[in-house]
PDB file of all heavy atoms in Angstrom:
ATOM      1  N   LYS A   1      90.476  74.832  19.410  1.00  0.00           N
ATOM      2  CA  LYS A   1      91.016  74.846  20.766  1.00  0.00           C
ATOM      3  C   LYS A   1      91.282  76.302  21.168  1.00  0.00           C
ATOM      4  O   LYS A   1      92.189  76.931  20.637  1.00  0.00           O
ATOM      5  CB  LYS A   1      92.292  74.016  20.839  1.00  0.00           C
ATOM      6  CG  LYS A   1      92.015  72.556  20.504  1.00  0.00           C
ATOM      7  CD  LYS A   1      93.185  71.685  20.795  1.00  0.00           C
ATOM      8  CE  LYS A   1      92.803  70.232  20.504  1.00  0.00           C
ATOM      9  NZ  LYS A   1      93.828  69.326  20.936  1.00  0.00           N
ATOM     10  N   PRO A   2      90.467  76.830  22.101  1.00  0.00           N
ATOM     11  CA  PRO A   2      90.667  78.222  22.519  1.00  0.00           C
ATOM     12  C   PRO A   2      91.908  78.366  23.383  1.00  0.00           C
ATOM     13  O   PRO A   2      92.316  77.438  24.072  1.00  0.00           O
ATOM     14  CB  PRO A   2      89.403  78.530  23.331  1.00  0.00           C
ATOM     15  CG  PRO A   2      88.933  77.204  23.822  1.00  0.00           C
ATOM     16  CD  PRO A   2      89.346  76.193  22.778  1.00  0.00           C
ATOM     17  N   ILE A   3      92.497  79.549  23.320  1.00  0.00           N
ATOM     18  CA  ILE A   3      93.605  79.890  24.207  1.00  0.00           C
ATOM     19  C   ILE A   3      92.989  80.673  25.357  1.00  0.00           C
ATOM     20  O   ILE A   3      92.406  81.735  25.154  1.00  0.00           O
ATOM     21  CB  ILE A   3      94.661  80.746  23.485  1.00  0.00           C
ATOM     22  CG1 ILE A   3      95.271  79.962  22.333  1.00  0.00           C
ATOM     23  CG2 ILE A   3      95.729  81.211  24.464  1.00  0.00           C
ATOM     24  CD1 ILE A   3      96.201  80.783  21.455  1.00  0.00           C
ATOM     25  N   ARG A   4      93.113  80.135  26.544  1.00  0.00           N
ATOM     26  CA  ARG A   4      92.543  80.813  27.709  1.00  0.00           C
ATOM     27  C   ARG A   4      93.576  81.726  28.328  1.00  0.00           C
ATOM     28  O   ARG A   4      94.758  81.447  28.318  1.00  0.00           O
ATOM     29  CB  ARG A   4      92.077  79.786  28.736  1.00  0.00           C
ATOM     30  CG  ARG A   4      90.876  79.004  28.225  1.00  0.00           C
ATOM     31  CD  ARG A   4      90.406  77.993  29.201  1.00  0.00           C
ATOM     32  NE  ARG A   4      90.073  78.616  30.471  1.00  0.00           N
ATOM     33  CZ  ARG A   4      89.589  77.964  31.510  1.00  0.00           C
ATOM     34  NH1 ARG A   4      89.361  76.679  31.409  1.00  0.00           N
ATOM     35  NH2 ARG A   4      89.308  78.581  32.627  1.00  0.00           N
ATOM     36  N   ASP A   5      93.089  82.794  28.902  1.00  0.00           N
ATOM     37  CA  ASP A   5      93.944  83.720  29.637  1.00  0.00           C
ATOM     38  C   ASP A   5      94.521  82.980  30.834  1.00  0.00           C
ATOM     39  O   ASP A   5      93.792  82.307  31.560  1.00  0.00           O
ATOM     40  CB  ASP A   5      93.089  84.900  30.096  1.00  0.00           C
ATOM     41  CG  ASP A   5      93.889  86.013  30.744  1.00  0.00           C
ATOM     42  OD1 ASP A   5      95.011  85.750  31.228  1.00  0.00           O
ATOM     43  OD2 ASP A   5      93.390  87.140  30.763  1.00  0.00           O
ATOM     44  N   PRO A   6      95.834  83.080  31.062  1.00  0.00           N
ATOM     45  CA  PRO A   6      96.422  82.364  32.198  1.00  0.00           C
ATOM     46  C   PRO A   6      95.766  82.692  33.534  1.00  0.00           C
ATOM     47  O   PRO A   6      95.680  81.842  34.410  1.00  0.00           O
ATOM     48  CB  PRO A   6      97.887  82.820  32.201  1.00  0.00           C
ATOM     49  CG  PRO A   6      98.136  83.399  30.869  1.00  0.00           C
ATOM     50  CD  PRO A   6      96.812  83.827  30.311  1.00  0.00           C
ATOM     51  N   TRP A   7      95.274  83.923  33.689  1.00  0.00           N
ATOM     52  CA  TRP A   7      94.625  84.278  34.949  1.00  0.00           C
ATOM     53  C   TRP A   7      93.327  83.516  35.154  1.00  0.00           C
ATOM     54  O   TRP A   7      92.911  83.268  36.278  1.00  0.00           O
ATOM     55  CB  TRP A   7      94.383  85.783  35.026  1.00  0.00           C
ATOM     56  CG  TRP A   7      95.633  86.501  35.387  1.00  0.00           C
ATOM     57  CD1 TRP A   7      96.429  87.234  34.565  1.00  0.00           C
ATOM     58  CD2 TRP A   7      96.273  86.523  36.659  1.00  0.00           C
ATOM     59  NE1 TRP A   7      97.513  87.711  35.239  1.00  0.00           N
ATOM     60  CE2 TRP A   7      97.439  87.301  36.539  1.00  0.00           C
ATOM     61  CE3 TRP A   7      95.977  85.965  37.895  1.00  0.00           C
ATOM     62  CZ2 TRP A   7      98.297  87.526  37.609  1.00  0.00           C
ATOM     63  CZ3 TRP A   7      96.840  86.201  38.955  1.00  0.00           C
ATOM     64  CH2 TRP A   7      97.981  86.966  38.806  1.00  0.00           C
ATOM     65  N   VAL A   8      92.667  83.139  34.065  1.00  0.00           N
ATOM     66  CA  VAL A   8      91.438  82.352  34.186  1.00  0.00           C
ATOM     67  C   VAL A   8      91.754  81.016  34.843  1.00  0.00           C
ATOM     68  O   VAL A   8      91.008  80.523  35.695  1.00  0.00           O
ATOM     69  CB  VAL A   8      90.776  82.153  32.802  1.00  0.00           C
ATOM     70  CG1 VAL A   8      89.628  81.166  32.889  1.00  0.00           C
ATOM     71  CG2 VAL A   8      90.298  83.488  32.259  1.00  0.00           C
ATOM     72  N   ASN A   9      92.901  80.422  34.487  1.00  0.00           N
ATOM     73  CA  ASN A   9      93.300  79.140  35.066  1.00  0.00           C
ATOM     74  C   ASN A   9      93.621  79.262  36.551  1.00  0.00           C
ATOM     75  O   ASN A   9      93.598  78.275  37.268  1.00  0.00           O
ATOM     76  CB  ASN A   9      94.510  78.575  34.316  1.00  0.00           C
ATOM     77  CG  ASN A   9      94.182  78.216  32.892  1.00  0.00           C
ATOM     78  OD1 ASN A   9      93.027  77.962  32.564  1.00  0.00           O
ATOM     79  ND2 ASN A   9      95.168  78.209  32.040  1.00  0.00           N
ATOM     80  N   VAL A  10      93.926  80.465  37.017  1.00  0.00           N
ATOM     81  CA  VAL A  10      94.225  80.682  38.439  1.00  0.00           C
ATOM     82  C   VAL A  10      92.982  81.166  39.180  1.00  0.00           C
ATOM     83  O   VAL A  10      92.634  80.631  40.236  1.00  0.00           O
ATOM     84  CB  VAL A  10      95.368  81.719  38.598  1.00  0.00           C
ATOM     85  CG1 VAL A  10      95.566  82.097  40.048  1.00  0.00           C
ATOM     86  CG2 VAL A  10      96.661  81.183  37.997  1.00  0.00           C
ATOM     87  N   LEU A  11      92.311  82.179  38.631  1.00  0.00           N
ATOM     88  CA  LEU A  11      91.202  82.817  39.344  1.00  0.00           C
ATOM     89  C   LEU A  11      89.965  81.944  39.465  1.00  0.00           C
ATOM     90  O   LEU A  11      89.299  81.960  40.498  1.00  0.00           O
ATOM     91  CB  LEU A  11      90.843  84.143  38.679  1.00  0.00           C
ATOM     92  CG  LEU A  11      91.891  85.241  38.812  1.00  0.00           C
ATOM     93  CD1 LEU A  11      91.440  86.491  38.066  1.00  0.00           C
ATOM     94  CD2 LEU A  11      92.151  85.575  40.269  1.00  0.00           C
ATOM     95  N   VAL A  12      89.620  81.184  38.436  1.00  0.00           N
ATOM     96  CA  VAL A  12      88.408  80.359  38.496  1.00  0.00           C
ATOM     97  C   VAL A  12      88.528  79.307  39.596  1.00  0.00           C
ATOM     98  O   VAL A  12      87.647  79.208  40.461  1.00  0.00           O
ATOM     99  CB  VAL A  12      88.082  79.748  37.120  1.00  0.00           C
ATOM    100  CG1 VAL A  12      86.976  78.719  37.234  1.00  0.00           C
ATOM    101  CG2 VAL A  12      87.691  80.852  36.138  1.00  0.00           C
ATOM    102  N   PRO A  13      89.608  78.500  39.643  1.00  0.00           N
ATOM    103  CA  PRO A  13      89.715  77.533  40.732  1.00  0.00           C
ATOM    104  C   PRO A  13      89.839  78.202  42.108  1.00  0.00           C
ATOM    105  O   PRO A  13      89.265  77.728  43.085  1.00  0.00           O
ATOM    106  CB  PRO A  13      90.985  76.740  40.411  1.00  0.00           C
ATOM    107  CG  PRO A  13      91.228  76.949  38.965  1.00  0.00           C
ATOM    108  CD  PRO A  13      90.666  78.297  38.651  1.00  0.00           C
ATOM    109  N   LEU A  14      90.577  79.325  42.162  1.00  0.00           N
ATOM    110  CA  LEU A  14      90.744  80.023  43.435  1.00  0.00           C
ATOM    111  C   LEU A  14      89.410  80.554  43.947  1.00  0.00           C
ATOM    112  O   LEU A  14      89.068  80.379  45.120  1.00  0.00           O
ATOM    113  CB  LEU A  14      91.741  81.172  43.268  1.00  0.00           C
ATOM    114  CG  LEU A  14      92.072  81.974  44.519  1.00  0.00           C
ATOM    115  CD1 LEU A  14      92.712  81.079  45.580  1.00  0.00           C
ATOM    116  CD2 LEU A  14      92.994  83.119  44.181  1.00  0.00           C
ATOM    117  N   THR A  15      88.624  81.153  43.088  1.00  0.00           N
ATOM    118  CA  THR A  15      87.306  81.664  43.474  1.00  0.00           C
ATOM    119  C   THR A  15      86.398  80.521  43.911  1.00  0.00           C
ATOM    120  O   THR A  15      85.699  80.618  44.927  1.00  0.00           O
ATOM    121  CB  THR A  15      86.665  82.436  42.307  1.00  0.00           C
ATOM    122  OG1 THR A  15      87.549  83.486  41.922  1.00  0.00           O
ATOM    123  CG2 THR A  15      85.322  83.011  42.690  1.00  0.00           C
ATOM    124  N   GLY A  16      86.424  79.427  43.150  1.00  0.00           N
ATOM    125  CA  GLY A  16      85.616  78.263  43.531  1.00  0.00           C
ATOM    126  C   GLY A  16      86.030  77.715  44.885  1.00  0.00           C
ATOM    127  O   GLY A  16      85.184  77.367  45.718  1.00  0.00           O
ATOM    128  N   GLY A  17      87.325  77.647  45.129  1.00  0.00           N
ATOM    129  CA  GLY A  17      87.821  77.160  46.423  1.00  0.00           C
ATOM    130  C   GLY A  17      87.415  78.080  47.569  1.00  0.00           C
ATOM    131  O   GLY A  17      87.023  77.614  48.639  1.00  0.00           O
ATOM    132  N   LEU A  18      87.511  79.394  47.354  1.00  0.00           N
ATOM    133  CA  LEU A  18      87.118  80.349  48.393  1.00  0.00           C
ATOM    134  C   LEU A  18      85.626  80.260  48.690  1.00  0.00           C
ATOM    135  O   LEU A  18      85.215  80.305  49.863  1.00  0.00           O
ATOM    136  CB  LEU A  18      87.487  81.770  47.981  1.00  0.00           C
ATOM    137  CG  LEU A  18      88.984  82.091  47.977  1.00  0.00           C
ATOM    138  CD1 LEU A  18      89.217  83.477  47.389  1.00  0.00           C
ATOM    139  CD2 LEU A  18      89.561  82.001  49.378  1.00  0.00           C
ATOM    140  N   LEU A  19      84.807  80.127  47.648  1.00  0.00           N
ATOM    141  CA  LEU A  19      83.366  80.003  47.860  1.00  0.00           C
ATOM    142  C   LEU A  19      83.027  78.710  48.599  1.00  0.00           C
ATOM    143  O   LEU A  19      82.185  78.703  49.502  1.00  0.00           O
ATOM    144  CB  LEU A  19      82.623  80.069  46.529  1.00  0.00           C
ATOM    145  CG  LEU A  19      82.619  81.432  45.843  1.00  0.00           C
ATOM    146  CD1 LEU A  19      81.988  81.322  44.451  1.00  0.00           C
ATOM    147  CD2 LEU A  19      81.903  82.469  46.681  1.00  0.00           C
ATOM    148  N   ALA A  20      83.690  77.619  48.227  1.00  0.00           N
ATOM    149  CA  ALA A  20      83.444  76.345  48.908  1.00  0.00           C
ATOM    150  C   ALA A  20      83.888  76.430  50.361  1.00  0.00           C
ATOM    151  O   ALA A  20      83.192  75.949  51.270  1.00  0.00           O
ATOM    152  CB  ALA A  20      84.184  75.213  48.186  1.00  0.00           C
ATOM    153  N   GLY A  21      85.048  77.055  50.589  1.00  0.00           N
ATOM    154  CA  GLY A  21      85.540  77.218  51.967  1.00  0.00           C
ATOM    155  C   GLY A  21      84.594  78.053  52.807  1.00  0.00           C
ATOM    156  O   GLY A  21      84.309  77.728  53.969  1.00  0.00           O
ATOM    157  N   ALA A  22      84.051  79.129  52.241  1.00  0.00           N
ATOM    158  CA  ALA A  22      83.107  79.984  52.962  1.00  0.00           C
ATOM    159  C   ALA A  22      81.827  79.215  53.286  1.00  0.00           C
ATOM    160  O   ALA A  22      81.278  79.345  54.396  1.00  0.00           O
ATOM    161  CB  ALA A  22      82.788  81.226  52.136  1.00  0.00           C
ATOM    162  N   ALA A  23      81.369  78.397  52.357  1.00  0.00           N
ATOM    163  CA  ALA A  23      80.161  77.600  52.596  1.00  0.00           C
ATOM    164  C   ALA A  23      80.391  76.587  53.714  1.00  0.00           C
ATOM    165  O   ALA A  23      79.524  76.385  54.579  1.00  0.00           O
ATOM    166  CB  ALA A  23      79.738  76.889  51.313  1.00  0.00           C
ATOM    167  N   ILE A  24      81.556  75.969  53.745  1.00  0.00           N
ATOM    168  CA  ILE A  24      81.877  74.998  54.801  1.00  0.00           C
ATOM    169  C   ILE A  24      81.945  75.696  56.152  1.00  0.00           C
ATOM    170  O   ILE A  24      81.402  75.203  57.147  1.00  0.00           O
ATOM    171  CB  ILE A  24      83.193  74.263  54.469  1.00  0.00           C
ATOM    172  CG1 ILE A  24      82.983  73.341  53.262  1.00  0.00           C
ATOM    173  CG2 ILE A  24      83.702  73.485  55.676  1.00  0.00           C
ATOM    174  CD1 ILE A  24      84.261  72.761  52.694  1.00  0.00           C
ATOM    175  N   LEU A  25      82.602  76.850  56.203  1.00  0.00           N
ATOM    176  CA  LEU A  25      82.696  77.598  57.467  1.00  0.00           C
ATOM    177  C   LEU A  25      81.315  78.031  57.953  1.00  0.00           C
ATOM    178  O   LEU A  25      81.018  77.960  59.149  1.00  0.00           O
ATOM    179  CB  LEU A  25      83.605  78.809  57.297  1.00  0.00           C
ATOM    180  CG  LEU A  25      85.094  78.506  57.151  1.00  0.00           C
ATOM    181  CD1 LEU A  25      85.866  79.783  56.847  1.00  0.00           C
ATOM    182  CD2 LEU A  25      85.636  77.845  58.416  1.00  0.00           C
ATOM    183  N   ARG A  26      80.462  78.463  57.045  1.00  0.00           N
ATOM    184  CA  ARG A  26      79.108  78.862  57.422  1.00  0.00           C
ATOM    185  C   ARG A  26      78.335  77.664  57.981  1.00  0.00           C
ATOM    186  O   ARG A  26      77.638  77.763  58.979  1.00  0.00           O
ATOM    187  CB  ARG A  26      78.381  79.443  56.212  1.00  0.00           C
ATOM    188  CG  ARG A  26      77.059  80.077  56.593  1.00  0.00           C
ATOM    189  CD  ARG A  26      76.338  80.749  55.443  1.00  0.00           C
ATOM    190  NE  ARG A  26      77.238  81.484  54.587  1.00  0.00           N
ATOM    191  CZ  ARG A  26      77.054  81.649  53.280  1.00  0.00           C
ATOM    192  NH1 ARG A  26      75.998  81.122  52.698  1.00  0.00           N
ATOM    193  NH2 ARG A  26      77.906  82.325  52.562  1.00  0.00           N
ATOM    194  N   TYR A  27      78.483  76.520  57.327  1.00  0.00           N
ATOM    195  CA  TYR A  27      77.811  75.304  57.786  1.00  0.00           C
ATOM    196  C   TYR A  27      78.295  74.928  59.184  1.00  0.00           C
ATOM    197  O   TYR A  27      77.493  74.619  60.068  1.00  0.00           O
ATOM    198  CB  TYR A  27      78.073  74.160  56.796  1.00  0.00           C
ATOM    199  CG  TYR A  27      77.589  72.825  57.296  1.00  0.00           C
ATOM    200  CD1 TYR A  27      76.237  72.506  57.268  1.00  0.00           C
ATOM    201  CD2 TYR A  27      78.482  71.897  57.826  1.00  0.00           C
ATOM    202  CE1 TYR A  27      75.783  71.295  57.741  1.00  0.00           C
ATOM    203  CE2 TYR A  27      78.044  70.673  58.297  1.00  0.00           C
ATOM    204  CZ  TYR A  27      76.703  70.368  58.259  1.00  0.00           C
ATOM    205  OH  TYR A  27      76.260  69.164  58.725  1.00  0.00           O
ATOM    206  N   LEU A  28      79.620  74.964  59.380  1.00  0.00           N
ATOM    207  CA  LEU A  28      80.176  74.601  60.691  1.00  0.00           C
ATOM    208  C   LEU A  28      79.742  75.585  61.775  1.00  0.00           C
ATOM    209  O   LEU A  28      79.467  75.183  62.916  1.00  0.00           O
ATOM    210  CB  LEU A  28      81.698  74.517  60.626  1.00  0.00           C
ATOM    211  CG  LEU A  28      82.263  73.360  59.773  1.00  0.00           C
ATOM    212  CD1 LEU A  28      83.769  73.480  59.662  1.00  0.00           C
ATOM    213  CD2 LEU A  28      81.848  72.019  60.353  1.00  0.00           C
ATOM    214  N   ALA A  29      79.671  76.871  61.430  1.00  0.00           N
ATOM    215  CA  ALA A  29      79.238  77.872  62.410  1.00  0.00           C
ATOM    216  C   ALA A  29      77.780  77.658  62.802  1.00  0.00           C
ATOM    217  O   ALA A  29      77.436  77.754  63.978  1.00  0.00           O
ATOM    218  CB  ALA A  29      79.431  79.276  61.818  1.00  0.00           C
ATOM    219  N   ARG A  30      76.927  77.336  61.861  1.00  0.00           N
ATOM    220  CA  ARG A  30      75.523  77.070  62.179  1.00  0.00           C
ATOM    221  C   ARG A  30      75.382  75.808  63.007  1.00  0.00           C
ATOM    222  O   ARG A  30      74.576  75.735  63.915  1.00  0.00           O
ATOM    223  CB  ARG A  30      74.709  76.913  60.903  1.00  0.00           C
ATOM    224  CG  ARG A  30      74.459  78.218  60.196  1.00  0.00           C
ATOM    225  CD  ARG A  30      73.591  77.998  58.985  1.00  0.00           C
ATOM    226  NE  ARG A  30      73.448  79.231  58.240  1.00  0.00           N
ATOM    227  CZ  ARG A  30      72.983  79.298  57.014  1.00  0.00           C
ATOM    228  NH1 ARG A  30      72.599  78.195  56.401  1.00  0.00           N
ATOM    229  NH2 ARG A  30      72.873  80.444  56.418  1.00  0.00           N
ATOM    230  N   ARG A  31      76.159  74.819  62.682  1.00  0.00           N
ATOM    231  CA  ARG A  31      76.087  73.543  63.383  1.00  0.00           C
ATOM    232  C   ARG A  31      76.558  73.685  64.824  1.00  0.00           C
ATOM    233  O   ARG A  31      76.038  73.058  65.734  1.00  0.00           O
ATOM    234  CB  ARG A  31      76.929  72.510  62.652  1.00  0.00           C
ATOM    235  CG  ARG A  31      76.675  71.135  63.104  1.00  0.00           C
ATOM    236  CD  ARG A  31      77.271  70.167  62.131  1.00  0.00           C
ATOM    237  NE  ARG A  31      76.872  68.856  62.513  1.00  0.00           N
ATOM    238  CZ  ARG A  31      77.574  67.768  62.364  1.00  0.00           C
ATOM    239  NH1 ARG A  31      78.740  67.846  61.795  1.00  0.00           N
ATOM    240  NH2 ARG A  31      77.133  66.601  62.759  1.00  0.00           N
ATOM    241  N   GLY A  32      77.574  74.544  65.013  1.00  0.00           N
ATOM    242  CA  GLY A  32      78.108  74.750  66.362  1.00  0.00           C
ATOM    243  C   GLY A  32      77.137  75.501  67.273  1.00  0.00           C
ATOM    244  O   GLY A  32      77.219  75.389  68.490  1.00  0.00           O
ATOM    245  N   ARG A  33      76.210  76.243  66.721  1.00  0.00           N
ATOM    246  CA  ARG A  33      75.229  76.984  67.533  1.00  0.00           C
ATOM    247  C   ARG A  33      74.158  76.081  68.084  1.00  0.00           C
ATOM    248  O   ARG A  33      73.503  76.402  69.042  1.00  0.00           O
ATOM    249  CB  ARG A  33      74.576  78.065  66.672  1.00  0.00           C
ATOM    250  CG  ARG A  33      75.462  79.255  66.409  1.00  0.00           C
ATOM    251  CD  ARG A  33      74.650  80.369  65.803  1.00  0.00           C
ATOM    252  NE  ARG A  33      75.340  80.806  64.588  1.00  0.00           N
ATOM    253  CZ  ARG A  33      74.805  81.410  63.578  1.00  0.00           C
ATOM    254  NH1 ARG A  33      73.516  81.633  63.581  1.00  0.00           N
ATOM    255  NH2 ARG A  33      75.491  81.792  62.552  1.00  0.00           N
TER     256      ARG A  33
END
């Protein structure tokens, strides 16, 4: 059982959420045009 760096538990989900949010905004912006 590896010990993960606490920042990994914060940064990985946060980065994934930001990327998903950016993709949704890009999709909505294209759709609105």
